[in-house]
Amino acid sequence: MKYPAGVPGTMPLGNPCGLDDFEYTDEGLPYRLSMATVPVSSLSRASFYTDLLGMEVVEKGDGFVVLRRSSCLLMLRVSENYGIDTGIFLAVDSPFRSRCRLMDEGVIFTREPTRGPFGVYASFRDDDGNVLHAMEPPSKSE
């Protein structure tokens, strides 16, 4: 999108110098999800994520904890609105193996591994009843 120079009110915030042919590119646009938030009843619920999902605590604050496994970052935040479908899809090598492993630990699954439009996924509940999804993205050839 080009903006004409010299027309009052048309200079975009990204063009502080008022260049004549300023053009937006994909610079500054999101390229991946950096972190997602999961509501929990208590920060003690982090043990589900550390003990069962292999995440490590990287930061603790007043009412929140940040967890990491590889490039996956989750923030657990104390809230009264827990027990929701988070809409968070965690990348795994196999939702079938994830299901077996987590079921052995007593985790409740709400969906068996299913092929969806973006890959195979299974859905499970954390200790607060929040639904998370374990997903094997499709190969690039699919």
C-alpha atoms as a PDB file:
ATOM      1  CA  MET A   1       0.000   0.000   0.000  1.00  0.00           C
ATOM      2  CA  LYS A   2       1.488   3.333  -1.018  1.00  0.00           C
ATOM      3  CA  TYR A   3       0.712   6.618   0.661  1.00  0.00           C
ATOM      4  CA  PRO A   4       0.911   9.896  -1.261  1.00  0.00           C
ATOM      5  CA  ALA A   5       3.367  12.424   0.104  1.00  0.00           C
ATOM      6  CA  GLY A   6       2.159  15.829   1.166  1.00  0.00           C
ATOM      7  CA  VAL A   7      -1.490  14.880   1.725  1.00  0.00           C
ATOM      8  CA  PRO A   8      -2.494  15.816   5.294  1.00  0.00           C
ATOM      9  CA  GLY A   9      -3.443  12.867   7.496  1.00  0.00           C
ATOM     10  CA  THR A  10      -2.038  10.192   5.165  1.00  0.00           C
ATOM     11  CA  MET A  11       1.415   9.664   6.648  1.00  0.00           C
ATOM     12  CA  PRO A  12       1.377   6.202   8.330  1.00  0.00           C
ATOM     13  CA  LEU A  13       2.982   5.679  11.734  1.00  0.00           C
ATOM     14  CA  GLY A  14       5.664   3.550  10.071  1.00  0.00           C
ATOM     15  CA  ASN A  15       6.767   6.542   7.965  1.00  0.00           C
ATOM     16  CA  PRO A  16       8.022   9.131  10.450  1.00  0.00           C
ATOM     17  CA  CYS A  17      10.303  10.730   7.855  1.00  0.00           C
ATOM     18  CA  GLY A  18       7.544  11.419   5.340  1.00  0.00           C
ATOM     19  CA  LEU A  19       9.317   9.647   2.478  1.00  0.00           C
ATOM     20  CA  ASP A  20       7.606  10.160  -0.863  1.00  0.00           C
ATOM     21  CA  ASP A  21       7.290   6.506  -1.852  1.00  0.00           C
ATOM     22  CA  PHE A  22       6.995   4.750   1.494  1.00  0.00           C
ATOM     23  CA  GLU A  23       5.686   1.205   1.033  1.00  0.00           C
ATOM     24  CA  TYR A  24       4.772  -1.361   3.691  1.00  0.00           C
ATOM     25  CA  THR A  25       6.493  -4.742   3.394  1.00  0.00           C
ATOM     26  CA  ASP A  26       6.148  -7.824   5.587  1.00  0.00           C
ATOM     27  CA  GLU A  27       8.660  -6.371   8.052  1.00  0.00           C
ATOM     28  CA  GLY A  28       7.138  -6.058  11.491  1.00  0.00           C
ATOM     29  CA  LEU A  29       4.400  -8.629  10.830  1.00  0.00           C
ATOM     30  CA  PRO A  30       4.111 -11.778  12.977  1.00  0.00           C
ATOM     31  CA  TYR A  31       5.904 -14.895  11.717  1.00  0.00           C
ATOM     32  CA  ARG A  32       5.201 -17.376  14.553  1.00  0.00           C
ATOM     33  CA  LEU A  33       3.370 -17.616  17.843  1.00  0.00           C
ATOM     34  CA  SER A  34       5.727 -16.592  20.612  1.00  0.00           C
ATOM     35  CA  MET A  35       3.740 -17.589  23.711  1.00  0.00           C
ATOM     36  CA  ALA A  36       0.225 -18.654  24.675  1.00  0.00           C
ATOM     37  CA  THR A  37      -1.560 -18.274  28.014  1.00  0.00           C
ATOM     38  CA  VAL A  38      -3.411 -20.998  29.914  1.00  0.00           C
ATOM     39  CA  PRO A  39      -5.712 -19.987  32.804  1.00  0.00           C
ATOM     40  CA  VAL A  40      -5.170 -22.020  35.985  1.00  0.00           C
ATOM     41  CA  SER A  41      -6.739 -22.083  39.442  1.00  0.00           C
ATOM     42  CA  SER A  42      -3.333 -22.054  41.164  1.00  0.00           C
ATOM     43  CA  LEU A  43       0.337 -21.914  40.176  1.00  0.00           C
ATOM     44  CA  SER A  44       0.735 -25.349  41.757  1.00  0.00           C
ATOM     45  CA  ARG A  45      -0.943 -26.610  38.565  1.00  0.00           C
ATOM     46  CA  ALA A  46       2.393 -26.063  36.807  1.00  0.00           C
ATOM     47  CA  SER A  47       3.383 -29.562  37.934  1.00  0.00           C
ATOM     48  CA  PHE A  48       1.144 -31.036  35.206  1.00  0.00           C
ATOM     49  CA  TYR A  49       3.214 -29.175  32.615  1.00  0.00           C
ATOM     50  CA  THR A  50       6.606 -29.802  34.203  1.00  0.00           C
ATOM     51  CA  ASP A  51       6.128 -33.421  35.294  1.00  0.00           C
ATOM     52  CA  LEU A  52       3.961 -34.727  32.443  1.00  0.00           C
ATOM     53  CA  LEU A  53       4.801 -32.497  29.487  1.00  0.00           C
ATOM     54  CA  GLY A  54       8.495 -32.081  30.299  1.00  0.00           C
ATOM     55  CA  MET A  55       8.441 -28.281  30.427  1.00  0.00           C
ATOM     56  CA  GLU A  56      10.746 -26.245  32.633  1.00  0.00           C
ATOM     57  CA  VAL A  57       9.984 -23.094  34.599  1.00  0.00           C
ATOM     58  CA  VAL A  58      11.823 -20.120  33.095  1.00  0.00           C
ATOM     59  CA  GLU A  59      10.131 -17.297  35.003  1.00  0.00           C
ATOM     60  CA  LYS A  60       7.845 -16.878  37.981  1.00  0.00           C
ATOM     61  CA  GLY A  61       5.906 -13.786  38.900  1.00  0.00           C
ATOM     62  CA  ASP A  62       2.947 -12.645  40.922  1.00  0.00           C
ATOM     63  CA  GLY A  63       0.111 -14.841  39.633  1.00  0.00           C
ATOM     64  CA  PHE A  64       1.922 -16.317  36.644  1.00  0.00           C
ATOM     65  CA  VAL A  65       4.635 -18.751  35.633  1.00  0.00           C
ATOM     66  CA  VAL A  66       6.302 -19.107  32.212  1.00  0.00           C
ATOM     67  CA  LEU A  67       7.223 -22.598  31.024  1.00  0.00           C
ATOM     68  CA  ARG A  68       9.390 -23.733  28.120  1.00  0.00           C
ATOM     69  CA  ARG A  69      10.055 -26.911  26.195  1.00  0.00           C
ATOM     70  CA  SER A  70      12.182 -26.413  23.110  1.00  0.00           C
ATOM     71  CA  SER A  71      10.730 -23.339  21.324  1.00  0.00           C
ATOM     72  CA  CYS A  72       7.298 -23.769  22.953  1.00  0.00           C
ATOM     73  CA  LEU A  73       6.486 -21.145  25.598  1.00  0.00           C
ATOM     74  CA  LEU A  74       3.368 -21.268  27.764  1.00  0.00           C
ATOM     75  CA  MET A  75       2.325 -18.818  30.442  1.00  0.00           C
ATOM     76  CA  LEU A  76       0.124 -20.177  33.209  1.00  0.00           C
ATOM     77  CA  ARG A  77      -1.860 -17.321  34.726  1.00  0.00           C
ATOM     78  CA  VAL A  78      -4.076 -17.586  37.802  1.00  0.00           C
ATOM     79  CA  SER A  79      -7.649 -16.876  36.739  1.00  0.00           C
ATOM     80  CA  GLU A  80     -11.224 -17.648  37.706  1.00  0.00           C
ATOM     81  CA  ASN A  81     -11.873 -18.620  34.059  1.00  0.00           C
ATOM     82  CA  TYR A  82     -10.051 -21.949  33.935  1.00  0.00           C
ATOM     83  CA  GLY A  83     -11.433 -25.202  32.513  1.00  0.00           C
ATOM     84  CA  ILE A  84     -11.716 -23.944  28.927  1.00  0.00           C
ATOM     85  CA  ASP A  85     -10.742 -25.180  25.491  1.00  0.00           C
ATOM     86  CA  THR A  86      -7.527 -23.199  25.174  1.00  0.00           C
ATOM     87  CA  GLY A  87      -7.304 -23.598  21.413  1.00  0.00           C
ATOM     88  CA  ILE A  88      -3.602 -24.344  21.914  1.00  0.00           C
ATOM     89  CA  PHE A  89      -2.128 -27.011  19.626  1.00  0.00           C
ATOM     90  CA  LEU A  90       1.210 -28.343  20.886  1.00  0.00           C
ATOM     91  CA  ALA A  91       3.432 -29.822  18.183  1.00  0.00           C
ATOM     92  CA  VAL A  92       4.385 -33.456  18.874  1.00  0.00           C
ATOM     93  CA  ASP A  93       5.998 -36.171  16.778  1.00  0.00           C
ATOM     94  CA  SER A  94       3.007 -38.479  17.236  1.00  0.00           C
ATOM     95  CA  PRO A  95      -0.337 -37.783  18.925  1.00  0.00           C
ATOM     96  CA  PHE A  96      -0.745 -41.574  19.185  1.00  0.00           C
ATOM     97  CA  ARG A  97       2.408 -41.872  21.325  1.00  0.00           C
ATOM     98  CA  SER A  98       1.463 -38.759  23.292  1.00  0.00           C
ATOM     99  CA  ARG A  99      -1.932 -40.270  24.046  1.00  0.00           C
ATOM    100  CA  CYS A 100      -0.423 -43.576  25.237  1.00  0.00           C
ATOM    101  CA  ARG A 101       2.166 -41.850  27.388  1.00  0.00           C
ATOM    102  CA  LEU A 102      -0.229 -39.371  28.984  1.00  0.00           C
ATOM    103  CA  MET A 103      -3.021 -41.918  29.496  1.00  0.00           C
ATOM    104  CA  ASP A 104      -0.510 -44.047  31.423  1.00  0.00           C
ATOM    105  CA  GLU A 105      -0.177 -41.021  33.738  1.00  0.00           C
ATOM    106  CA  GLY A 106      -3.959 -40.757  34.170  1.00  0.00           C
ATOM    107  CA  VAL A 107      -4.544 -37.834  31.805  1.00  0.00           C
ATOM    108  CA  ILE A 108      -8.082 -37.656  30.405  1.00  0.00           C
ATOM    109  CA  PHE A 109      -8.399 -37.410  26.626  1.00  0.00           C
ATOM    110  CA  THR A 110     -11.418 -35.723  25.087  1.00  0.00           C
ATOM    111  CA  ARG A 111     -10.529 -36.704  21.516  1.00  0.00           C
ATOM    112  CA  GLU A 112      -8.657 -39.701  20.208  1.00  0.00           C
ATOM    113  CA  PRO A 113      -6.083 -39.015  17.494  1.00  0.00           C
ATOM    114  CA  THR A 114      -8.016 -37.653  14.534  1.00  0.00           C
ATOM    115  CA  ARG A 115      -6.949 -36.412  11.120  1.00  0.00           C
ATOM    116  CA  GLY A 116      -7.938 -32.783  10.684  1.00  0.00           C
ATOM    117  CA  PRO A 117      -7.286 -30.283   7.902  1.00  0.00           C
ATOM    118  CA  PHE A 118      -3.914 -29.315   9.383  1.00  0.00           C
ATOM    119  CA  GLY A 119      -2.652 -32.687  10.617  1.00  0.00           C
ATOM    120  CA  VAL A 120      -3.373 -35.440  13.123  1.00  0.00           C
ATOM    121  CA  TYR A 121      -4.273 -34.265  16.630  1.00  0.00           C
ATOM    122  CA  ALA A 122      -5.601 -35.548  19.947  1.00  0.00           C
ATOM    123  CA  SER A 123      -7.161 -33.485  22.747  1.00  0.00           C
ATOM    124  CA  PHE A 124      -6.626 -33.823  26.491  1.00  0.00           C
ATOM    125  CA  ARG A 125      -7.373 -32.044  29.769  1.00  0.00           C
ATOM    126  CA  ASP A 126      -4.893 -30.603  32.241  1.00  0.00           C
ATOM    127  CA  ASP A 127      -5.498 -30.741  36.010  1.00  0.00           C
ATOM    128  CA  ASP A 128      -7.838 -27.719  35.823  1.00  0.00           C
ATOM    129  CA  GLY A 129      -9.898 -29.180  32.990  1.00  0.00           C
ATOM    130  CA  ASN A 130      -8.358 -26.958  30.310  1.00  0.00           C
ATOM    131  CA  VAL A 131      -8.329 -28.681  26.933  1.00  0.00           C
ATOM    132  CA  LEU A 132      -5.041 -28.732  25.030  1.00  0.00           C
ATOM    133  CA  HIS A 133      -4.329 -30.412  21.712  1.00  0.00           C
ATOM    134  CA  ALA A 134      -1.304 -32.536  20.748  1.00  0.00           C
ATOM    135  CA  MET A 135      -0.770 -32.187  17.015  1.00  0.00           C
ATOM    136  CA  GLU A 136       1.470 -33.766  14.424  1.00  0.00           C
ATOM    137  CA  PRO A 137       1.557 -31.225  11.612  1.00  0.00           C
ATOM    138  CA  PRO A 138       1.236 -32.657   8.104  1.00  0.00           C
ATOM    139  CA  SER A 139       4.390 -33.243   6.135  1.00  0.00           C
ATOM    140  CA  LYS A 140       5.197 -30.662   3.502  1.00  0.00           C
ATOM    141  CA  SER A 141       4.315 -33.195   0.809  1.00  0.00           C
ATOM    142  CA  GLU A 142       0.702 -33.521   2.053  1.00  0.00           C
END
